[in-house]
Protein backbone atom coordinates (compact mmCIF):
# COMPACT_ATOMS: atom_id res chain seq x y z
CA MET A 1 138.35 -93.07 -79.90
CA ILE A 2 135.08 -93.54 -78.07
CA ASP A 3 132.96 -96.45 -79.21
CA PRO A 4 130.05 -95.20 -81.37
CA ALA A 5 127.84 -97.91 -79.87
CA LYS A 6 128.43 -96.39 -76.42
CA ILE A 7 127.39 -92.95 -77.71
CA GLU A 8 124.26 -94.48 -79.19
CA GLN A 9 123.51 -96.25 -75.91
CA VAL A 10 123.80 -93.00 -73.92
CA ALA A 11 121.60 -91.16 -76.39
CA LYS A 12 119.02 -93.96 -76.26
CA GLN A 13 118.99 -93.94 -72.43
CA ILE A 14 118.34 -90.21 -72.44
CA GLY A 15 115.44 -90.72 -74.82
CA GLU A 16 113.97 -93.61 -72.82
CA ASN A 17 114.03 -91.69 -69.55
CA MET A 18 111.97 -88.78 -70.83
CA PRO A 19 108.43 -88.24 -69.48
CA GLN A 20 105.54 -89.91 -71.38
CA GLY A 21 104.32 -86.58 -72.79
CA ILE A 22 107.61 -86.04 -74.51
CA LYS A 23 108.10 -89.63 -75.74
CA SER A 24 107.01 -88.57 -79.25
CA LEU A 25 110.10 -86.35 -79.39
CA ALA A 26 112.44 -89.11 -78.18
CA ASP A 27 113.58 -90.12 -81.66
CA THR A 28 114.45 -86.55 -82.55
CA MET A 29 116.13 -85.99 -79.19
CA GLU A 30 118.11 -89.22 -79.53
CA SER A 31 119.49 -88.32 -82.93
CA LYS A 32 120.21 -84.72 -81.90
CA THR A 33 121.89 -85.85 -78.67
CA LYS A 34 124.00 -88.35 -80.57
CA GLN A 35 124.95 -85.68 -83.10
CA VAL A 36 125.94 -83.17 -80.41
CA ILE A 37 128.00 -85.75 -78.48
CA GLN A 38 129.79 -86.90 -81.63
CA ASN A 39 130.52 -83.30 -82.66
CA LYS A 40 131.91 -82.40 -79.25
CA LEU A 41 134.02 -85.56 -79.05
CA SER A 42 135.43 -84.95 -82.52
CA GLN A 43 136.57 -81.49 -81.36
CA MET A 44 138.55 -82.99 -78.49
CA ASP A 45 142.14 -84.06 -78.94
CA PHE A 46 142.12 -87.75 -78.07
CA VAL A 47 144.75 -90.38 -78.81
CA SER A 48 144.07 -94.03 -79.37
CA ARG A 49 144.82 -96.55 -76.64
CA GLU A 50 147.47 -98.06 -78.91
CA GLU A 51 149.24 -94.69 -79.30
CA PHE A 52 148.99 -94.09 -75.55
CA ASP A 53 150.60 -97.48 -74.85
CA VAL A 54 153.39 -96.81 -77.35
CA GLN A 55 154.13 -93.42 -75.80
CA SER A 56 154.05 -94.94 -72.31
CA GLN A 57 156.74 -97.42 -73.36
CA VAL A 58 158.82 -94.64 -74.92
CA LEU A 59 158.54 -92.66 -71.69
CA LEU A 60 159.55 -95.69 -69.61
CA ARG A 61 162.65 -96.28 -71.75
CA THR A 62 163.51 -92.58 -71.57
CA ARG A 63 163.27 -92.61 -67.78
CA GLU A 64 165.50 -95.69 -67.61
CA LYS A 65 168.08 -94.04 -69.88
CA LEU A 66 167.93 -90.84 -67.80
CA ALA A 67 168.58 -92.82 -64.63
CA GLN A 68 171.59 -94.49 -66.26
CA LEU A 69 172.95 -91.14 -67.44
CA GLU A 70 172.45 -89.57 -64.01
CA GLN A 71 174.37 -92.44 -62.45
CA ARG A 72 177.16 -92.09 -65.03
CA VAL A 73 177.41 -88.32 -64.41
CA ALA A 74 177.62 -88.94 -60.65
CA GLU A 75 180.43 -91.46 -61.22
CA LEU A 76 182.35 -89.02 -63.43
CA GLU A 77 181.89 -86.20 -60.90
CA GLU A 78 183.17 -88.49 -58.18
CA LYS A 79 186.28 -89.29 -60.25
CA LEU A 80 186.93 -85.57 -60.80
CA VAL A 81 186.71 -84.89 -57.06
CA GLU A 82 189.18 -87.71 -56.32
CA LYS A 83 191.83 -86.24 -58.62
């Protein structure tokens, strides 16, 4: 998932870049922004990097097996044609 420290950093940057007249609202804006970002991210369907890496390896092995099976089918078809 996304690092909560990164969310806090983004929210803080938004608050710091507000005009001077609105600086008094920065704390409220920061917490509200952080809350909105966290809510929206929690609604998204993310997978962890670890799960992504595992599934990538599964896909790689599946592709290798498919290539082997395709080659085997081609060999068997060739034998049928020869007969």
